[in-house]
Amino acid sequence: KLKQEGEYKSMFLANMGHELRTPLIGILGVTDLIQDTQLSKEQI
């Protein structure tokens, strides 16, 4: 039972990690695009 629970925990962490990475990579991509535009020093 402990081994099975450990496998469930690992699967959960892997799924959550991938679910978090997807929007985060989107945020970083948009930030990179914004940096390629005309920005003030404060915005940069």
All heavy atoms as atom14 arrays in JSON, in Angstrom:
{
  "sequence": "KLKQEGEYKSMFLANMGHELRTPLIGILGVTDLIQDTQLSKEQI",
  "atom14_mask": [
    [1, 1, 1, 1, 1, 1, 1, 1, 1, 0, 0, 0, 0, 0],
    [1, 1, 1, 1, 1, 1, 1, 1, 0, 0, 0, 0, 0, 0],
    [1, 1, 1, 1, 1, 1, 1, 1, 1, 0, 0, 0, 0, 0],
    [1, 1, 1, 1, 1, 1, 1, 1, 1, 0, 0, 0, 0, 0],
    [1, 1, 1, 1, 1, 1, 1, 1, 1, 0, 0, 0, 0, 0],
    [1, 1, 1, 1, 0, 0, 0, 0, 0, 0, 0, 0, 0, 0],
    [1, 1, 1, 1, 1, 1, 1, 1, 1, 0, 0, 0, 0, 0],
    [1, 1, 1, 1, 1, 1, 1, 1, 1, 1, 1, 1, 0, 0],
    [1, 1, 1, 1, 1, 1, 1, 1, 1, 0, 0, 0, 0, 0],
    [1, 1, 1, 1, 1, 1, 0, 0, 0, 0, 0, 0, 0, 0],
    [1, 1, 1, 1, 1, 1, 1, 1, 0, 0, 0, 0, 0, 0],
    [1, 1, 1, 1, 1, 1, 1, 1, 1, 1, 1, 0, 0, 0],
    [1, 1, 1, 1, 1, 1, 1, 1, 0, 0, 0, 0, 0, 0],
    [1, 1, 1, 1, 1, 0, 0, 0, 0, 0, 0, 0, 0, 0],
    [1, 1, 1, 1, 1, 1, 1, 1, 0, 0, 0, 0, 0, 0],
    [1, 1, 1, 1, 1, 1, 1, 1, 0, 0, 0, 0, 0, 0],
    [1, 1, 1, 1, 0, 0, 0, 0, 0, 0, 0, 0, 0, 0],
    [1, 1, 1, 1, 1, 1, 1, 1, 1, 1, 0, 0, 0, 0],
    [1, 1, 1, 1, 1, 1, 1, 1, 1, 0, 0, 0, 0, 0],
    [1, 1, 1, 1, 1, 1, 1, 1, 0, 0, 0, 0, 0, 0],
    [1, 1, 1, 1, 1, 1, 1, 1, 1, 1, 1, 0, 0, 0],
    [1, 1, 1, 1, 1, 1, 1, 0, 0, 0, 0, 0, 0, 0],
    [1, 1, 1, 1, 1, 1, 1, 0, 0, 0, 0, 0, 0, 0],
    [1, 1, 1, 1, 1, 1, 1, 1, 0, 0, 0, 0, 0, 0],
    [1, 1, 1, 1, 1, 1, 1, 1, 0, 0, 0, 0, 0, 0],
    [1, 1, 1, 1, 0, 0, 0, 0, 0, 0, 0, 0, 0, 0],
    [1, 1, 1, 1, 1, 1, 1, 1, 0, 0, 0, 0, 0, 0],
    [1, 1, 1, 1, 1, 1, 1, 1, 0, 0, 0, 0, 0, 0],
    [1, 1, 1, 1, 0, 0, 0, 0, 0, 0, 0, 0, 0, 0],
    [1, 1, 1, 1, 1, 1, 1, 0, 0, 0, 0, 0, 0, 0],
    [1, 1, 1, 1, 1, 1, 1, 0, 0, 0, 0, 0, 0, 0],
    [1, 1, 1, 1, 1, 1, 1, 1, 0, 0, 0, 0, 0, 0],
    [1, 1, 1, 1, 1, 1, 1, 1, 0, 0, 0, 0, 0, 0],
    [1, 1, 1, 1, 1, 1, 1, 1, 0, 0, 0, 0, 0, 0],
    [1, 1, 1, 1, 1, 1, 1, 1, 1, 0, 0, 0, 0, 0],
    [1, 1, 1, 1, 1, 1, 1, 1, 0, 0, 0, 0, 0, 0],
    [1, 1, 1, 1, 1, 1, 1, 0, 0, 0, 0, 0, 0, 0],
    [1, 1, 1, 1, 1, 1, 1, 1, 1, 0, 0, 0, 0, 0],
    [1, 1, 1, 1, 1, 1, 1, 1, 0, 0, 0, 0, 0, 0],
    [1, 1, 1, 1, 1, 1, 0, 0, 0, 0, 0, 0, 0, 0],
    [1, 1, 1, 1, 1, 1, 1, 1, 1, 0, 0, 0, 0, 0],
    [1, 1, 1, 1, 1, 1, 1, 1, 1, 0, 0, 0, 0, 0],
    [1, 1, 1, 1, 1, 1, 1, 1, 1, 0, 0, 0, 0, 0],
    [1, 1, 1, 1, 1, 1, 1, 1, 0, 0, 0, 0, 0, 0]
  ],
  "atom14_positions": [
    [[0.84, -1.2, 0.0], [0.0, 0.0, 0.0], [0.87, 1.25, 0.0], [0.59, 2.22, -0.72], [-0.91, -0.01, 1.23], [-1.85, 1.17, 1.32], [-2.7, 1.09, 2.57], [-3.53, 2.35, 2.73], [-4.28, 2.38, 3.97], [0.0, 0.0, 0.0], [0.0, 0.0, 0.0], [0.0, 0.0, 0.0], [0.0, 0.0, 0.0], [0.0, 0.0, 0.0]],
    [[1.96, 1.26, 0.8], [2.87, 2.41, 0.83], [3.53, 2.63, -0.53], [3.67, 3.77, -0.98], [3.94, 2.22, 1.91], [3.49, 2.39, 3.35], [4.65, 2.1, 4.29], [2.96, 3.78, 3.6], [0.0, 0.0, 0.0], [0.0, 0.0, 0.0], [0.0, 0.0, 0.0], [0.0, 0.0, 0.0], [0.0, 0.0, 0.0], [0.0, 0.0, 0.0]],
    [[3.94, 1.54, -1.18], [4.55, 1.66, -2.5], [3.56, 2.26, -3.49], [3.91, 3.14, -4.28], [5.03, 0.3, -3.0], [6.29, -0.19, -2.34], [6.69, -1.54, -2.89], [7.93, -2.08, -2.2], [8.31, -3.41, -2.7], [0.0, 0.0, 0.0], [0.0, 0.0, 0.0], [0.0, 0.0, 0.0], [0.0, 0.0, 0.0], [0.0, 0.0, 0.0]],
    [[2.31, 1.81, -3.42], [1.28, 2.31, -4.32], [1.01, 3.8, -4.06], [0.9, 4.59, -4.99], [0.0, 1.5, -4.15], [-1.06, 1.8, -5.17], [-2.27, 0.9, -5.01], [-2.56, 0.42, -3.91], [-2.97, 0.67, -6.09], [0.0, 0.0, 0.0], [0.0, 0.0, 0.0], [0.0, 0.0, 0.0], [0.0, 0.0, 0.0], [0.0, 0.0, 0.0]],
    [[0.96, 4.19, -2.78], [0.75, 5.59, -2.45], [1.92, 6.45, -2.92], [1.73, 7.57, -3.38], [0.54, 5.77, -0.94], [-0.8, 5.26, -0.47], [-0.97, 5.33, 1.04], [-0.04, 5.81, 1.73], [-2.03, 4.9, 1.53], [0.0, 0.0, 0.0], [0.0, 0.0, 0.0], [0.0, 0.0, 0.0], [0.0, 0.0, 0.0], [0.0, 0.0, 0.0]],
    [[3.13, 5.92, -2.83], [4.3, 6.64, -3.33], [4.23, 6.84, -4.83], [4.58, 7.9, -5.35], [0.0, 0.0, 0.0], [0.0, 0.0, 0.0], [0.0, 0.0, 0.0], [0.0, 0.0, 0.0], [0.0, 0.0, 0.0], [0.0, 0.0, 0.0], [0.0, 0.0, 0.0], [0.0, 0.0, 0.0], [0.0, 0.0, 0.0], [0.0, 0.0, 0.0]],
    [[3.74, 5.82, -5.54], [3.57, 5.95, -6.99], [2.52, 7.0, -7.31], [2.7, 7.8, -8.23], [3.19, 4.6, -7.6], [4.32, 3.59, -7.6], [3.87, 2.21, -8.03], [2.72, 2.06, -8.52], [4.67, 1.27, -7.9], [0.0, 0.0, 0.0], [0.0, 0.0, 0.0], [0.0, 0.0, 0.0], [0.0, 0.0, 0.0], [0.0, 0.0, 0.0]],
    [[1.42, 7.02, -6.56], [0.37, 8.02, -6.78], [0.92, 9.42, -6.53], [0.63, 10.35, -7.29], [-0.83, 7.78, -5.87], [-1.67, 6.58, -6.23], [-2.33, 5.86, -5.24], [-1.82, 6.16, -7.54], [-3.12, 4.76, -5.56], [-2.59, 5.06, -7.87], [-3.23, 4.37, -6.88], [-4.0, 3.3, -7.19], [0.0, 0.0, 0.0], [0.0, 0.0, 0.0]],
    [[1.72, 9.57, -5.48], [2.3, 10.88, -5.17], [3.22, 11.33, -6.29], [3.17, 12.47, -6.72], [3.07, 10.81, -3.85], [3.71, 12.15, -3.46], [4.54, 12.03, -2.22], [5.82, 11.34, -2.58], [6.83, 11.26, -1.6], [0.0, 0.0, 0.0], [0.0, 0.0, 0.0], [0.0, 0.0, 0.0], [0.0, 0.0, 0.0], [0.0, 0.0, 0.0]],
    [[4.04, 10.42, -6.79], [4.95, 10.77, -7.87], [4.18, 11.16, -9.13], [4.54, 12.12, -9.81], [5.88, 9.6, -8.18], [6.7, 9.33, -7.08], [0.0, 0.0, 0.0], [0.0, 0.0, 0.0], [0.0, 0.0, 0.0], [0.0, 0.0, 0.0], [0.0, 0.0, 0.0], [0.0, 0.0, 0.0], [0.0, 0.0, 0.0], [0.0, 0.0, 0.0]],
    [[3.12, 10.41, -9.45], [2.3, 10.75, -10.62], [1.65, 12.11, -10.44], [1.61, 12.93, -11.37], [1.23, 9.67, -10.84], [1.78, 8.38, -11.4], [0.61, 6.98, -11.55], [-0.98, 7.7, -11.63], [0.0, 0.0, 0.0], [0.0, 0.0, 0.0], [0.0, 0.0, 0.0], [0.0, 0.0, 0.0], [0.0, 0.0, 0.0], [0.0, 0.0, 0.0]],
    [[1.15, 12.39, -9.23], [0.52, 13.68, -8.96], [1.52, 14.81, -9.14], [1.23, 15.82, -9.79], [-0.06, 13.7, -7.54], [-0.54, 15.05, -7.11], [-1.75, 15.54, -7.57], [0.23, 15.84, -6.27], [-2.21, 16.8, -7.18], [-0.2, 17.1, -5.88], [-1.43, 17.58, -6.34], [0.0, 0.0, 0.0], [0.0, 0.0, 0.0], [0.0, 0.0, 0.0]],
    [[2.71, 14.66, -8.55], [3.73, 15.7, -8.66], [4.15, 15.92, -10.11], [4.32, 17.07, -10.54], [4.94, 15.37, -7.79], [4.72, 15.47, -6.29], [5.96, 14.97, -5.55], [4.39, 16.88, -5.88], [0.0, 0.0, 0.0], [0.0, 0.0, 0.0], [0.0, 0.0, 0.0], [0.0, 0.0, 0.0], [0.0, 0.0, 0.0], [0.0, 0.0, 0.0]],
    [[4.3, 14.85, -10.86], [4.69, 15.0, -12.26], [3.59, 15.73, -13.04], [3.87, 16.66, -13.81], [4.96, 13.63, -12.88], [0.0, 0.0, 0.0], [0.0, 0.0, 0.0], [0.0, 0.0, 0.0], [0.0, 0.0, 0.0], [0.0, 0.0, 0.0], [0.0, 0.0, 0.0], [0.0, 0.0, 0.0], [0.0, 0.0, 0.0], [0.0, 0.0, 0.0]],
    [[2.32, 15.35, -12.83], [1.22, 16.02, -13.52], [1.12, 17.48, -13.12], [0.93, 18.35, -13.97], [-0.11, 15.3, -13.25], [-0.2, 13.99, -13.98], [0.45, 13.78, -15.0], [-1.0, 13.08, -13.46], [0.0, 0.0, 0.0], [0.0, 0.0, 0.0], [0.0, 0.0, 0.0], [0.0, 0.0, 0.0], [0.0, 0.0, 0.0], [0.0, 0.0, 0.0]],
    [[1.23, 17.76, -11.83], [1.14, 19.15, -11.36], [2.31, 19.97, -11.9], [2.13, 21.13, -12.29], [1.13, 19.21, -9.83], [-0.19, 18.84, -9.22], [-1.58, 19.78, -9.88], [-1.13, 21.43, -9.45], [0.0, 0.0, 0.0], [0.0, 0.0, 0.0], [0.0, 0.0, 0.0], [0.0, 0.0, 0.0], [0.0, 0.0, 0.0], [0.0, 0.0, 0.0]],
    [[3.48, 19.38, -11.94], [4.64, 20.09, -12.47], [4.42, 20.49, -13.92], [4.67, 21.63, -14.31], [0.0, 0.0, 0.0], [0.0, 0.0, 0.0], [0.0, 0.0, 0.0], [0.0, 0.0, 0.0], [0.0, 0.0, 0.0], [0.0, 0.0, 0.0], [0.0, 0.0, 0.0], [0.0, 0.0, 0.0], [0.0, 0.0, 0.0], [0.0, 0.0, 0.0]],
    [[3.89, 19.55, -14.71], [3.63, 19.85, -16.11], [2.5, 20.87, -16.26], [2.56, 21.75, -17.12], [3.32, 18.58, -16.89], [4.52, 17.7, -17.05], [5.62, 18.06, -17.81], [4.81, 16.48, -16.54], [6.53, 17.11, -17.75], [6.07, 16.14, -16.99], [0.0, 0.0, 0.0], [0.0, 0.0, 0.0], [0.0, 0.0, 0.0], [0.0, 0.0, 0.0]],
    [[1.5, 20.77, -15.42], [0.39, 21.74, -15.46], [0.86, 23.14, -15.1], [0.37, 24.12, -15.63], [-0.74, 21.31, -14.52], [-1.47, 20.05, -14.95], [-2.2, 20.2, -16.28], [-2.75, 21.29, -16.54], [-2.19, 19.24, -17.06], [0.0, 0.0, 0.0], [0.0, 0.0, 0.0], [0.0, 0.0, 0.0], [0.0, 0.0, 0.0], [0.0, 0.0, 0.0]],
    [[1.81, 23.25, -14.19], [2.35, 24.55, -13.8], [3.32, 25.11, -14.85], [3.37, 26.31, -15.08], [3.07, 24.46, -12.45], [2.17, 24.21, -11.23], [3.02, 23.92, -10.01], [1.26, 25.39, -10.98], [0.0, 0.0, 0.0], [0.0, 0.0, 0.0], [0.0, 0.0, 0.0], [0.0, 0.0, 0.0], [0.0, 0.0, 0.0], [0.0, 0.0, 0.0]],
    [[4.08, 24.23, -15.46], [5.06, 24.67, -16.45], [4.4, 25.31, -17.67], [4.91, 26.3, -18.2], [5.92, 23.49, -16.92], [7.02, 23.1, -15.99], [7.78, 21.89, -16.52], [8.47, 22.17, -17.76], [9.69, 22.69, -17.85], [10.34, 23.01, -16.77], [10.26, 22.9, -19.01], [0.0, 0.0, 0.0], [0.0, 0.0, 0.0], [0.0, 0.0, 0.0]],
    [[3.29, 24.78, -18.11], [2.64, 25.26, -19.34], [2.29, 26.75, -19.26], [2.73, 27.53, -20.11], [1.42, 24.4, -19.68], [1.84, 23.04, -19.81], [0.75, 24.85, -20.96], [0.0, 0.0, 0.0], [0.0, 0.0, 0.0], [0.0, 0.0, 0.0], [0.0, 0.0, 0.0], [0.0, 0.0, 0.0], [0.0, 0.0, 0.0], [0.0, 0.0, 0.0]],
    [[1.51, 27.2, -18.25], [1.22, 28.64, -18.22], [2.45, 29.48, -17.9], [2.57, 30.62, -18.37], [0.15, 28.77, -17.12], [0.24, 27.53, -16.32], [0.79, 26.47, -17.21], [0.0, 0.0, 0.0], [0.0, 0.0, 0.0], [0.0, 0.0, 0.0], [0.0, 0.0, 0.0], [0.0, 0.0, 0.0], [0.0, 0.0, 0.0], [0.0, 0.0, 0.0]],
    [[3.37, 28.93, -17.14], [4.57, 29.67, -16.79], [5.42, 29.94, -18.03], [5.95, 31.04, -18.21], [5.38, 28.9, -15.73], [6.58, 29.59, -15.15], [6.22, 30.95, -14.58], [7.18, 28.72, -14.05], [0.0, 0.0, 0.0], [0.0, 0.0, 0.0], [0.0, 0.0, 0.0], [0.0, 0.0, 0.0], [0.0, 0.0, 0.0], [0.0, 0.0, 0.0]],
    [[5.54, 28.96, -18.89], [6.3, 29.16, -20.13], [5.58, 30.2, -21.0], [6.23, 31.02, -21.66], [6.51, 27.82, -20.86], [7.53, 26.99, -20.07], [6.97, 28.02, -22.29], [7.72, 25.58, -20.55], [0.0, 0.0, 0.0], [0.0, 0.0, 0.0], [0.0, 0.0, 0.0], [0.0, 0.0, 0.0], [0.0, 0.0, 0.0], [0.0, 0.0, 0.0]],
    [[4.24, 30.2, -20.97], [3.49, 31.23, -21.69], [3.79, 32.62, -21.14], [3.99, 33.57, -21.92], [0.0, 0.0, 0.0], [0.0, 0.0, 0.0], [0.0, 0.0, 0.0], [0.0, 0.0, 0.0], [0.0, 0.0, 0.0], [0.0, 0.0, 0.0], [0.0, 0.0, 0.0], [0.0, 0.0, 0.0], [0.0, 0.0, 0.0], [0.0, 0.0, 0.0]],
    [[3.84, 32.76, -19.84], [4.15, 34.06, -19.21], [5.55, 34.51, -19.61], [5.76, 35.67, -19.97], [4.02, 33.96, -17.67], [2.56, 33.78, -17.27], [4.64, 35.18, -16.99], [2.36, 33.4, -15.82], [0.0, 0.0, 0.0], [0.0, 0.0, 0.0], [0.0, 0.0, 0.0], [0.0, 0.0, 0.0], [0.0, 0.0, 0.0], [0.0, 0.0, 0.0]],
    [[6.51, 33.59, -19.56], [7.88, 33.95, -19.94], [7.97, 34.33, -21.43], [8.69, 35.26, -21.79], [8.84, 32.81, -19.62], [9.09, 32.57, -18.13], [9.9, 31.29, -17.93], [9.79, 33.75, -17.5], [0.0, 0.0, 0.0], [0.0, 0.0, 0.0], [0.0, 0.0, 0.0], [0.0, 0.0, 0.0], [0.0, 0.0, 0.0], [0.0, 0.0, 0.0]],
    [[7.21, 33.63, -22.26], [7.21, 33.95, -23.69], [6.64, 35.33, -23.96], [7.2, 36.12, -24.75], [0.0, 0.0, 0.0], [0.0, 0.0, 0.0], [0.0, 0.0, 0.0], [0.0, 0.0, 0.0], [0.0, 0.0, 0.0], [0.0, 0.0, 0.0], [0.0, 0.0, 0.0], [0.0, 0.0, 0.0], [0.0, 0.0, 0.0], [0.0, 0.0, 0.0]],
    [[5.52, 35.66, -23.31], [4.91, 36.98, -23.5], [5.84, 38.06, -22.94], [5.99, 39.13, -23.54], [3.51, 37.03, -22.84], [2.97, 38.44, -22.82], [2.56, 36.1, -23.58], [0.0, 0.0, 0.0], [0.0, 0.0, 0.0], [0.0, 0.0, 0.0], [0.0, 0.0, 0.0], [0.0, 0.0, 0.0], [0.0, 0.0, 0.0], [0.0, 0.0, 0.0]],
    [[6.47, 37.8, -21.82], [7.42, 38.76, -21.24], [8.56, 39.02, -22.22], [8.97, 40.17, -22.42], [7.99, 38.23, -19.91], [6.91, 37.96, -19.02], [8.93, 39.22, -19.27], [0.0, 0.0, 0.0], [0.0, 0.0, 0.0], [0.0, 0.0, 0.0], [0.0, 0.0, 0.0], [0.0, 0.0, 0.0], [0.0, 0.0, 0.0], [0.0, 0.0, 0.0]],
    [[9.04, 37.98, -22.87], [10.1, 38.13, -23.85], [9.61, 38.98, -25.03], [10.34, 39.85, -25.52], [10.55, 36.75, -24.33], [11.84, 36.79, -25.12], [12.73, 37.56, -24.74], [11.94, 36.06, -26.12], [0.0, 0.0, 0.0], [0.0, 0.0, 0.0], [0.0, 0.0, 0.0], [0.0, 0.0, 0.0], [0.0, 0.0, 0.0], [0.0, 0.0, 0.0]],
    [[8.38, 38.75, -25.48], [7.82, 39.54, -26.57], [7.66, 41.01, -26.17], [7.94, 41.92, -26.95], [6.46, 38.98, -27.01], [6.49, 37.61, -27.7], [5.07, 37.11, -27.91], [7.25, 37.69, -29.01], [0.0, 0.0, 0.0], [0.0, 0.0, 0.0], [0.0, 0.0, 0.0], [0.0, 0.0, 0.0], [0.0, 0.0, 0.0], [0.0, 0.0, 0.0]],
    [[7.22, 41.25, -24.94], [7.07, 42.63, -24.45], [8.42, 43.33, -24.42], [8.53, 44.5, -24.76], [6.4, 42.63, -23.05], [4.95, 42.2, -23.16], [6.52, 44.01, -22.41], [4.27, 41.99, -21.81], [0.0, 0.0, 0.0], [0.0, 0.0, 0.0], [0.0, 0.0, 0.0], [0.0, 0.0, 0.0], [0.0, 0.0, 0.0], [0.0, 0.0, 0.0]],
    [[9.46, 42.61, -24.04], [10.79, 43.22, -23.96], [11.31, 43.63, -25.33], [12.19, 44.47, -25.43], [11.77, 42.26, -23.28], [11.54, 42.12, -21.8], [12.44, 41.08, -21.16], [12.97, 40.2, -21.83], [12.6, 41.18, -19.85], [0.0, 0.0, 0.0], [0.0, 0.0, 0.0], [0.0, 0.0, 0.0], [0.0, 0.0, 0.0], [0.0, 0.0, 0.0]],
    [[10.76, 43.04, -26.4], [11.18, 43.41, -27.75], [10.46, 44.66, -28.26], [10.71, 45.1, -29.37], [10.93, 42.24, -28.72], [11.87, 41.07, -28.47], [12.94, 41.3, -27.85], [11.54, 39.95, -28.88], [0.0, 0.0, 0.0], [0.0, 0.0, 0.0], [0.0, 0.0, 0.0], [0.0, 0.0, 0.0], [0.0, 0.0, 0.0], [0.0, 0.0, 0.0]],
    [[9.56, 45.22, -27.46], [8.84, 46.44, -27.87], [9.49, 47.66, -27.25], [10.42, 47.55, -26.45], [7.35, 46.35, -27.44], [7.28, 46.31, -26.01], [6.66, 45.13, -28.03], [0.0, 0.0, 0.0], [0.0, 0.0, 0.0], [0.0, 0.0, 0.0], [0.0, 0.0, 0.0], [0.0, 0.0, 0.0], [0.0, 0.0, 0.0], [0.0, 0.0, 0.0]],
    [[8.97, 48.81, -27.6], [9.49, 50.08, -27.08], [9.02, 50.24, -25.63], [7.83, 50.39, -25.39], [8.96, 51.23, -27.95], [9.7, 52.52, -27.79], [11.11, 52.45, -28.39], [11.42, 51.62, -29.22], [11.98, 53.33, -27.92], [0.0, 0.0, 0.0], [0.0, 0.0, 0.0], [0.0, 0.0, 0.0], [0.0, 0.0, 0.0], [0.0, 0.0, 0.0]],
    [[9.93, 50.22, -24.69], [9.59, 50.31, -23.27], [10.4, 51.42, -22.6], [11.53, 51.71, -23.01], [9.88, 48.99, -22.55], [9.15, 47.74, -23.02], [9.7, 46.53, -22.3], [7.65, 47.86, -22.76], [0.0, 0.0, 0.0], [0.0, 0.0, 0.0], [0.0, 0.0, 0.0], [0.0, 0.0, 0.0], [0.0, 0.0, 0.0], [0.0, 0.0, 0.0]],
    [[9.83, 51.97, -21.55], [10.58, 52.94, -20.74], [11.57, 52.17, -19.86], [11.5, 50.95, -19.73], [9.62, 53.75, -19.86], [9.06, 52.9, -18.86], [0.0, 0.0, 0.0], [0.0, 0.0, 0.0], [0.0, 0.0, 0.0], [0.0, 0.0, 0.0], [0.0, 0.0, 0.0], [0.0, 0.0, 0.0], [0.0, 0.0, 0.0], [0.0, 0.0, 0.0]],
    [[12.49, 52.89, -19.23], [13.48, 52.24, -18.36], [12.8, 51.5, -17.21], [13.2, 50.4, -16.85], [14.47, 53.28, -17.81], [15.43, 53.79, -18.84], [16.41, 54.77, -18.24], [17.36, 55.28, -19.32], [18.35, 56.2, -18.79], [0.0, 0.0, 0.0], [0.0, 0.0, 0.0], [0.0, 0.0, 0.0], [0.0, 0.0, 0.0], [0.0, 0.0, 0.0]],
    [[11.76, 52.11, -16.65], [11.02, 51.47, -15.54], [10.33, 50.19, -16.02], [10.35, 49.18, -15.33], [10.0, 52.46, -14.96], [9.25, 51.93, -13.76], [10.13, 51.68, -12.54], [11.24, 52.26, -12.44], [9.71, 50.91, -11.66], [0.0, 0.0, 0.0], [0.0, 0.0, 0.0], [0.0, 0.0, 0.0], [0.0, 0.0, 0.0], [0.0, 0.0, 0.0]],
    [[9.74, 50.24, -17.22], [9.08, 49.05, -17.76], [10.09, 47.95, -18.06], [9.81, 46.77, -17.83], [8.29, 49.42, -19.02], [7.06, 50.26, -18.74], [6.44, 50.79, -20.02], [7.12, 51.09, -20.99], [5.11, 50.89, -20.0], [0.0, 0.0, 0.0], [0.0, 0.0, 0.0], [0.0, 0.0, 0.0], [0.0, 0.0, 0.0], [0.0, 0.0, 0.0]],
    [[11.25, 48.33, -18.57], [12.3, 47.34, -18.83], [12.72, 46.67, -17.52], [12.85, 45.44, -17.43], [13.52, 47.99, -19.52], [13.17, 48.41, -20.94], [14.73, 47.06, -19.51], [14.22, 49.26, -21.63], [0.0, 0.0, 0.0], [0.0, 0.0, 0.0], [0.0, 0.0, 0.0], [0.0, 0.0, 0.0], [0.0, 0.0, 0.0], [0.0, 0.0, 0.0]]
  ]
}
